[in-house]
PDB file of N, CA and C in Angstrom:
ATOM      1  N   MET A   1     -14.487   5.929  -1.797  1.00  0.00           N
ATOM      2  CA  MET A   1     -14.449   4.290  -2.234  1.00  0.00           C
ATOM      3  C   MET A   1     -14.805   3.397  -1.198  1.00  0.00           C
ATOM      4  N   PRO A   2     -15.712   2.923  -1.549  1.00  0.00           N
ATOM      5  CA  PRO A   2     -16.517   1.779  -0.826  1.00  0.00           C
ATOM      6  C   PRO A   2     -15.572   0.524  -0.325  1.00  0.00           C
ATOM      7  N   THR A   3     -14.441   0.250  -0.874  1.00  0.00           N
ATOM      8  CA  THR A   3     -13.433  -0.642  -0.466  1.00  0.00           C
ATOM      9  C   THR A   3     -12.291  -0.062   0.518  1.00  0.00           C
ATOM     10  N   GLN A   4     -12.160   1.195   0.714  1.00  0.00           N
ATOM     11  CA  GLN A   4     -11.411   1.868   1.452  1.00  0.00           C
ATOM     12  C   GLN A   4      -9.826   1.466   1.038  1.00  0.00           C
ATOM     13  N   SER A   5      -9.603   1.040  -0.376  1.00  0.00           N
ATOM     14  CA  SER A   5      -8.566   0.929  -1.036  1.00  0.00           C
ATOM     15  C   SER A   5      -8.673   1.274  -2.412  1.00  0.00           C
ATOM     16  N   THR A   6      -7.526   1.687  -2.751  1.00  0.00           N
ATOM     17  CA  THR A   6      -7.224   2.179  -4.390  1.00  0.00           C
ATOM     18  C   THR A   6      -7.346   0.948  -4.977  1.00  0.00           C
ATOM     19  N   PRO A   7      -7.684   0.868  -6.458  1.00  0.00           N
ATOM     20  CA  PRO A   7      -7.590  -0.336  -7.272  1.00  0.00           C
ATOM     21  C   PRO A   7      -5.818  -0.569  -7.378  1.00  0.00           C
ATOM     22  N   PHE A   8      -5.069   0.525  -7.480  1.00  0.00           N
ATOM     23  CA  PHE A   8      -3.427   0.454  -7.607  1.00  0.00           C
ATOM     24  C   PHE A   8      -3.176  -0.322  -6.352  1.00  0.00           C
ATOM     25  N   ALA A   9      -3.392  -0.089  -5.139  1.00  0.00           N
ATOM     26  CA  ALA A   9      -3.032  -0.653  -3.889  1.00  0.00           C
ATOM     27  C   ALA A   9      -3.578  -1.906  -3.916  1.00  0.00           C
ATOM     28  N   LEU A  10      -4.790  -2.383  -4.443  1.00  0.00           N
ATOM     29  CA  LEU A  10      -5.223  -3.803  -4.160  1.00  0.00           C
ATOM     30  C   LEU A  10      -4.361  -4.706  -5.390  1.00  0.00           C
ATOM     31  N   VAL A  11      -4.023  -4.112  -6.343  1.00  0.00           N
ATOM     32  CA  VAL A  11      -3.301  -4.914  -7.271  1.00  0.00           C
ATOM     33  C   VAL A  11      -1.787  -4.950  -7.025  1.00  0.00           C
ATOM     34  N   TYR A  12      -1.167  -3.942  -6.593  1.00  0.00           N
ATOM     35  CA  TYR A  12       0.458  -3.829  -6.230  1.00  0.00           C
ATOM     36  C   TYR A  12       0.779  -4.012  -4.886  1.00  0.00           C
ATOM     37  N   GLY A  13      -0.180  -3.715  -3.962  1.00  0.00           N
ATOM     38  CA  GLY A  13       0.008  -3.769  -2.531  1.00  0.00           C
ATOM     39  C   GLY A  13       0.758  -2.725  -1.790  1.00  0.00           C
ATOM     40  N   PHE A  14       0.551  -1.500  -2.410  1.00  0.00           N
ATOM     41  CA  PHE A  14       1.138  -0.284  -1.786  1.00  0.00           C
ATOM     42  C   PHE A  14       0.456   0.745  -2.821  1.00  0.00           C
ATOM     43  N   GLU A  15       0.466   1.974  -2.106  1.00  0.00           N
ATOM     44  CA  GLU A  15       0.057   3.297  -2.913  1.00  0.00           C
ATOM     45  C   GLU A  15       1.056   3.811  -3.662  1.00  0.00           C
ATOM     46  N   VAL A  16       0.514   4.297  -4.941  1.00  0.00           N
ATOM     47  CA  VAL A  16       1.269   4.817  -5.884  1.00  0.00           C
ATOM     48  C   VAL A  16       1.992   6.056  -5.464  1.00  0.00           C
ATOM     49  N   VAL A  17       3.470   6.188  -5.699  1.00  0.00           N
ATOM     50  CA  VAL A  17       4.170   7.263  -5.399  1.00  0.00           C
ATOM     51  C   VAL A  17       4.211   8.192  -6.698  1.00  0.00           C
ATOM     52  N   LEU A  18       3.733   9.365  -6.444  1.00  0.00           N
ATOM     53  CA  LEU A  18       3.635  10.385  -7.433  1.00  0.00           C
ATOM     54  C   LEU A  18       4.930  11.062  -7.776  1.00  0.00           C
ATOM     55  N   PRO A  19       5.336  11.324  -9.208  1.00  0.00           N
ATOM     56  CA  PRO A  19       6.729  11.792  -9.155  1.00  0.00           C
ATOM     57  C   PRO A  19       7.210  13.074  -8.398  1.00  0.00           C
ATOM     58  N   LEU A  20       5.889  13.904  -7.923  1.00  0.00           N
ATOM     59  CA  LEU A  20       6.191  15.024  -7.266  1.00  0.00           C
ATOM     60  C   LEU A  20       6.599  14.619  -6.001  1.00  0.00           C
ATOM     61  N   GLU A  21       6.228  13.522  -5.377  1.00  0.00           N
ATOM     62  CA  GLU A  21       6.528  13.086  -4.136  1.00  0.00           C
ATOM     63  C   GLU A  21       8.066  12.797  -4.089  1.00  0.00           C
ATOM     64  N   LEU A  22       8.687  12.453  -5.367  1.00  0.00           N
ATOM     65  CA  LEU A  22      10.124  12.371  -5.031  1.00  0.00           C
ATOM     66  C   LEU A  22      10.862  13.495  -5.318  1.00  0.00           C
ATOM     67  N   GLN A  23      10.403  14.515  -5.826  1.00  0.00           N
ATOM     68  CA  GLN A  23      10.958  15.828  -5.759  1.00  0.00           C
ATOM     69  C   GLN A  23      10.812  16.541  -4.356  1.00  0.00           C
ATOM     70  N   ILE A  24       9.577  16.394  -3.865  1.00  0.00           N
ATOM     71  CA  ILE A  24       9.356  17.122  -2.618  1.00  0.00           C
ATOM     72  C   ILE A  24       8.640  16.098  -1.716  1.00  0.00           C
ATOM     73  N   PRO A  25       9.801  15.297  -0.960  1.00  0.00           N
ATOM     74  CA  PRO A  25       9.312  14.146  -0.232  1.00  0.00           C
ATOM     75  C   PRO A  25       8.326  14.131   0.727  1.00  0.00           C
ATOM     76  N   SER A  26       7.129  13.313   0.364  1.00  0.00           N
ATOM     77  CA  SER A  26       6.271  12.963   1.483  1.00  0.00           C
ATOM     78  C   SER A  26       6.660  12.565   2.768  1.00  0.00           C
ATOM     79  N   PHE A  27       6.129  12.239   3.738  1.00  0.00           N
ATOM     80  CA  PHE A  27       6.420  11.574   4.690  1.00  0.00           C
ATOM     81  C   PHE A  27       6.744  10.253   4.811  1.00  0.00           C
ATOM     82  N   ARG A  28       5.685   9.642   3.819  1.00  0.00           N
ATOM     83  CA  ARG A  28       6.244   8.116   3.461  1.00  0.00           C
ATOM     84  C   ARG A  28       7.547   7.838   2.920  1.00  0.00           C
ATOM     85  N   ILE A  29       7.530   8.676   1.970  1.00  0.00           N
ATOM     86  CA  ILE A  29       8.771   8.549   1.210  1.00  0.00           C
ATOM     87  C   ILE A  29      10.139   8.624   2.073  1.00  0.00           C
ATOM     88  N   VAL A  30      10.122   9.782   3.123  1.00  0.00           N
ATOM     89  CA  VAL A  30      11.398  10.075   4.128  1.00  0.00           C
ATOM     90  C   VAL A  30      11.365   8.988   5.025  1.00  0.00           C
ATOM     91  N   VAL A  31      10.400   8.326   5.272  1.00  0.00           N
ATOM     92  CA  VAL A  31      10.420   7.041   6.277  1.00  0.00           C
ATOM     93  C   VAL A  31      11.010   5.933   5.578  1.00  0.00           C
ATOM     94  N   ARG A  32      10.736   5.652   4.393  1.00  0.00           N
ATOM     95  CA  ARG A  32      11.218   4.448   3.552  1.00  0.00           C
ATOM     96  C   ARG A  32      12.690   4.761   3.135  1.00  0.00           C
ATOM     97  N   GLU A  33      13.089   5.973   2.695  1.00  0.00           N
ATOM     98  CA  GLU A  33      14.547   6.300   2.402  1.00  0.00           C
ATOM     99  C   GLU A  33      15.482   6.181   3.565  1.00  0.00           C
ATOM    100  N   GLY A  34      14.748   6.328   5.024  1.00  0.00           N
ATOM    101  CA  GLY A  34      15.450   6.242   6.126  1.00  0.00           C
ATOM    102  C   GLY A  34      15.923   4.953   6.547  1.00  0.00           C
ATOM    103  N   LEU A  35      15.238   3.722   6.149  1.00  0.00           N
ATOM    104  CA  LEU A  35      15.440   2.406   6.402  1.00  0.00           C
ATOM    105  C   LEU A  35      16.643   1.733   5.949  1.00  0.00           C
ATOM    106  N   ILE A  36      17.135   0.760   6.473  1.00  0.00           N
ATOM    107  CA  ILE A  36      18.279   0.210   5.822  1.00  0.00           C
ATOM    108  C   ILE A  36      17.742  -0.893   5.254  1.00  0.00           C
ATOM    109  N   GLU A  37      18.473  -1.548   4.428  1.00  0.00           N
ATOM    110  CA  GLU A  37      17.975  -2.508   3.244  1.00  0.00           C
ATOM    111  C   GLU A  37      16.973  -3.480   3.829  1.00  0.00           C
ATOM    112  N   ASP A  38      17.508  -4.119   4.887  1.00  0.00           N
ATOM    113  CA  ASP A  38      16.956  -5.293   5.726  1.00  0.00           C
ATOM    114  C   ASP A  38      15.782  -5.056   5.866  1.00  0.00           C
ATOM    115  N   GLU A  39      15.643  -3.698   6.768  1.00  0.00           N
ATOM    116  CA  GLU A  39      14.250  -3.188   7.282  1.00  0.00           C
ATOM    117  C   GLU A  39      13.292  -2.882   6.083  1.00  0.00           C
ATOM    118  N   ASN A  40      13.898  -2.520   4.984  1.00  0.00           N
ATOM    119  CA  ASN A  40      12.876  -2.027   3.900  1.00  0.00           C
ATOM    120  C   ASN A  40      12.467  -3.529   3.218  1.00  0.00           C
ATOM    121  N   HIS A  41      13.130  -4.348   3.066  1.00  0.00           N
ATOM    122  CA  HIS A  41      12.586  -5.750   2.809  1.00  0.00           C
ATOM    123  C   HIS A  41      11.733  -6.233   3.728  1.00  0.00           C
ATOM    124  N   LYS A  42      11.893  -6.312   5.132  1.00  0.00           N
ATOM    125  CA  LYS A  42      11.016  -6.915   5.982  1.00  0.00           C
ATOM    126  C   LYS A  42       9.541  -5.926   5.590  1.00  0.00           C
ATOM    127  N   LEU A  43       9.901  -4.630   5.704  1.00  0.00           N
ATOM    128  CA  LEU A  43       8.375  -3.808   5.519  1.00  0.00           C
ATOM    129  C   LEU A  43       7.811  -4.186   4.369  1.00  0.00           C
ATOM    130  N   ARG A  44       8.466  -4.515   3.184  1.00  0.00           N
ATOM    131  CA  ARG A  44       7.743  -4.789   1.958  1.00  0.00           C
ATOM    132  C   ARG A  44       7.046  -6.109   1.940  1.00  0.00           C
ATOM    133  N   LEU A  45       7.755  -7.414   2.796  1.00  0.00           N
ATOM    134  CA  LEU A  45       7.153  -8.376   2.931  1.00  0.00           C
ATOM    135  C   LEU A  45       5.896  -8.213   3.581  1.00  0.00           C
ATOM    136  N   ASP A  46       5.952  -7.800   4.963  1.00  0.00           N
ATOM    137  CA  ASP A  46       4.817  -7.233   5.747  1.00  0.00           C
ATOM    138  C   ASP A  46       3.682  -6.956   4.943  1.00  0.00           C
ATOM    139  N   GLU A  47       3.903  -5.970   4.094  1.00  0.00           N
ATOM    140  CA  GLU A  47       2.944  -5.274   3.175  1.00  0.00           C
ATOM    141  C   GLU A  47       2.305  -6.195   2.412  1.00  0.00           C
ATOM    142  N   LEU A  48       3.187  -6.877   1.646  1.00  0.00           N
ATOM    143  CA  LEU A  48       2.690  -8.311   0.697  1.00  0.00           C
ATOM    144  C   LEU A  48       1.822  -9.318   1.323  1.00  0.00           C
ATOM    145  N   GLU A  49       2.108  -9.648   2.634  1.00  0.00           N
ATOM    146  CA  GLU A  49       1.474 -10.409   3.506  1.00  0.00           C
ATOM    147  C   GLU A  49       0.116  -9.914   3.773  1.00  0.00           C
ATOM    148  N   ALA A  50       0.063  -8.759   3.995  1.00  0.00           N
ATOM    149  CA  ALA A  50      -1.239  -8.001   4.303  1.00  0.00           C
ATOM    150  C   ALA A  50      -2.135  -8.062   3.205  1.00  0.00           C
ATOM    151  N   LEU A  51      -1.630  -7.857   1.798  1.00  0.00           N
ATOM    152  CA  LEU A  51      -2.356  -7.599   0.834  1.00  0.00           C
ATOM    153  C   LEU A  51      -3.586  -8.372   0.450  1.00  0.00           C
ATOM    154  N   ASP A  52      -3.234  -9.844   0.821  1.00  0.00           N
ATOM    155  CA  ASP A  52      -4.447 -10.742   0.756  1.00  0.00           C
ATOM    156  C   ASP A  52      -5.530 -10.767   1.613  1.00  0.00           C
ATOM    157  N   GLU A  53      -5.190  -9.927   2.977  1.00  0.00           N
ATOM    158  CA  GLU A  53      -6.377  -9.559   3.829  1.00  0.00           C
ATOM    159  C   GLU A  53      -7.055  -8.361   3.231  1.00  0.00           C
ATOM    160  N   LYS A  54      -6.098  -7.390   2.552  1.00  0.00           N
ATOM    161  CA  LYS A  54      -6.861  -6.170   2.003  1.00  0.00           C
ATOM    162  C   LYS A  54      -7.801  -6.597   1.017  1.00  0.00           C
ATOM    163  N   ARG A  55      -7.200  -7.447   0.066  1.00  0.00           N
ATOM    164  CA  ARG A  55      -8.363  -7.707  -1.071  1.00  0.00           C
ATOM    165  C   ARG A  55      -9.400  -8.552  -0.578  1.00  0.00           C
ATOM    166  N   LEU A  56      -9.317  -9.429   0.345  1.00  0.00           N
ATOM    167  CA  LEU A  56     -10.413 -10.185   0.889  1.00  0.00           C
ATOM    168  C   LEU A  56     -11.503  -8.967   1.694  1.00  0.00           C
ATOM    169  N   GLN A  57     -10.864  -8.163   2.308  1.00  0.00           N
ATOM    170  CA  GLN A  57     -11.913  -7.199   2.954  1.00  0.00           C
ATOM    171  C   GLN A  57     -12.597  -6.390   1.849  1.00  0.00           C
ATOM    172  N   ALA A  58     -11.950  -6.003   0.841  1.00  0.00           N
ATOM    173  CA  ALA A  58     -12.481  -5.080  -0.191  1.00  0.00           C
ATOM    174  C   ALA A  58     -13.335  -6.001  -0.764  1.00  0.00           C
ATOM    175  N   GLN A  59     -13.183  -7.180  -1.355  1.00  0.00           N
ATOM    176  CA  GLN A  59     -14.210  -8.293  -1.903  1.00  0.00           C
ATOM    177  C   GLN A  59     -15.288  -8.207  -1.048  1.00  0.00           C
ATOM    178  N   GLN A  60     -15.535  -8.659   0.034  1.00  0.00           N
ATOM    179  CA  GLN A  60     -16.454  -8.676   1.005  1.00  0.00           C
ATOM    180  C   GLN A  60     -17.267  -7.349   1.274  1.00  0.00           C
ATOM    181  N   LYS A  61     -16.659  -6.239   1.243  1.00  0.00           N
ATOM    182  CA  LYS A  61     -17.337  -4.982   1.303  1.00  0.00           C
ATOM    183  C   LYS A  61     -17.967  -4.653   0.077  1.00  0.00           C
ATOM    184  N   LEU A  62     -17.558  -5.267  -1.288  1.00  0.00           N
ATOM    185  CA  LEU A  62     -18.234  -5.168  -2.373  1.00  0.00           C
ATOM    186  C   LEU A  62     -19.565  -6.007  -2.495  1.00  0.00           C
ATOM    187  N   GLU A  63     -19.332  -6.890  -1.940  1.00  0.00           N
ATOM    188  CA  GLU A  63     -20.516  -8.043  -1.615  1.00  0.00           C
ATOM    189  C   GLU A  63     -21.452  -7.658  -1.041  1.00  0.00           C
ATOM    190  N   CYS A  64     -21.192  -6.774   0.019  1.00  0.00           N
ATOM    191  CA  CYS A  64     -22.217  -6.174   0.982  1.00  0.00           C
ATOM    192  C   CYS A  64     -22.957  -5.352   0.287  1.00  0.00           C
ATOM    193  N   LEU A  65     -22.460  -4.387  -0.888  1.00  0.00           N
ATOM    194  CA  LEU A  65     -22.958  -3.211  -1.494  1.00  0.00           C
ATOM    195  C   LEU A  65     -24.119  -3.975  -2.519  1.00  0.00           C
ATOM    196  N   GLN A  66     -23.846  -5.230  -2.886  1.00  0.00           N
ATOM    197  CA  GLN A  66     -24.697  -5.656  -4.168  1.00  0.00           C
ATOM    198  C   GLN A  66     -25.962  -6.217  -3.504  1.00  0.00           C
TER     199      GLN A  66
END
């Protein structure tokens, strides 16, 4: 991937969680489930704030390829 991000992550701000990851928890699912509600809200807010930067970087990488 030239942008280093998936289209899903650029739109929604996080990577997709596959149903299999809920049945057999991956590391990122275990970490999220271990957080208290306030920590989870803060983590999500931080991810959303970083989303604009990720989108800008992806756009710049695509423009360099054209």
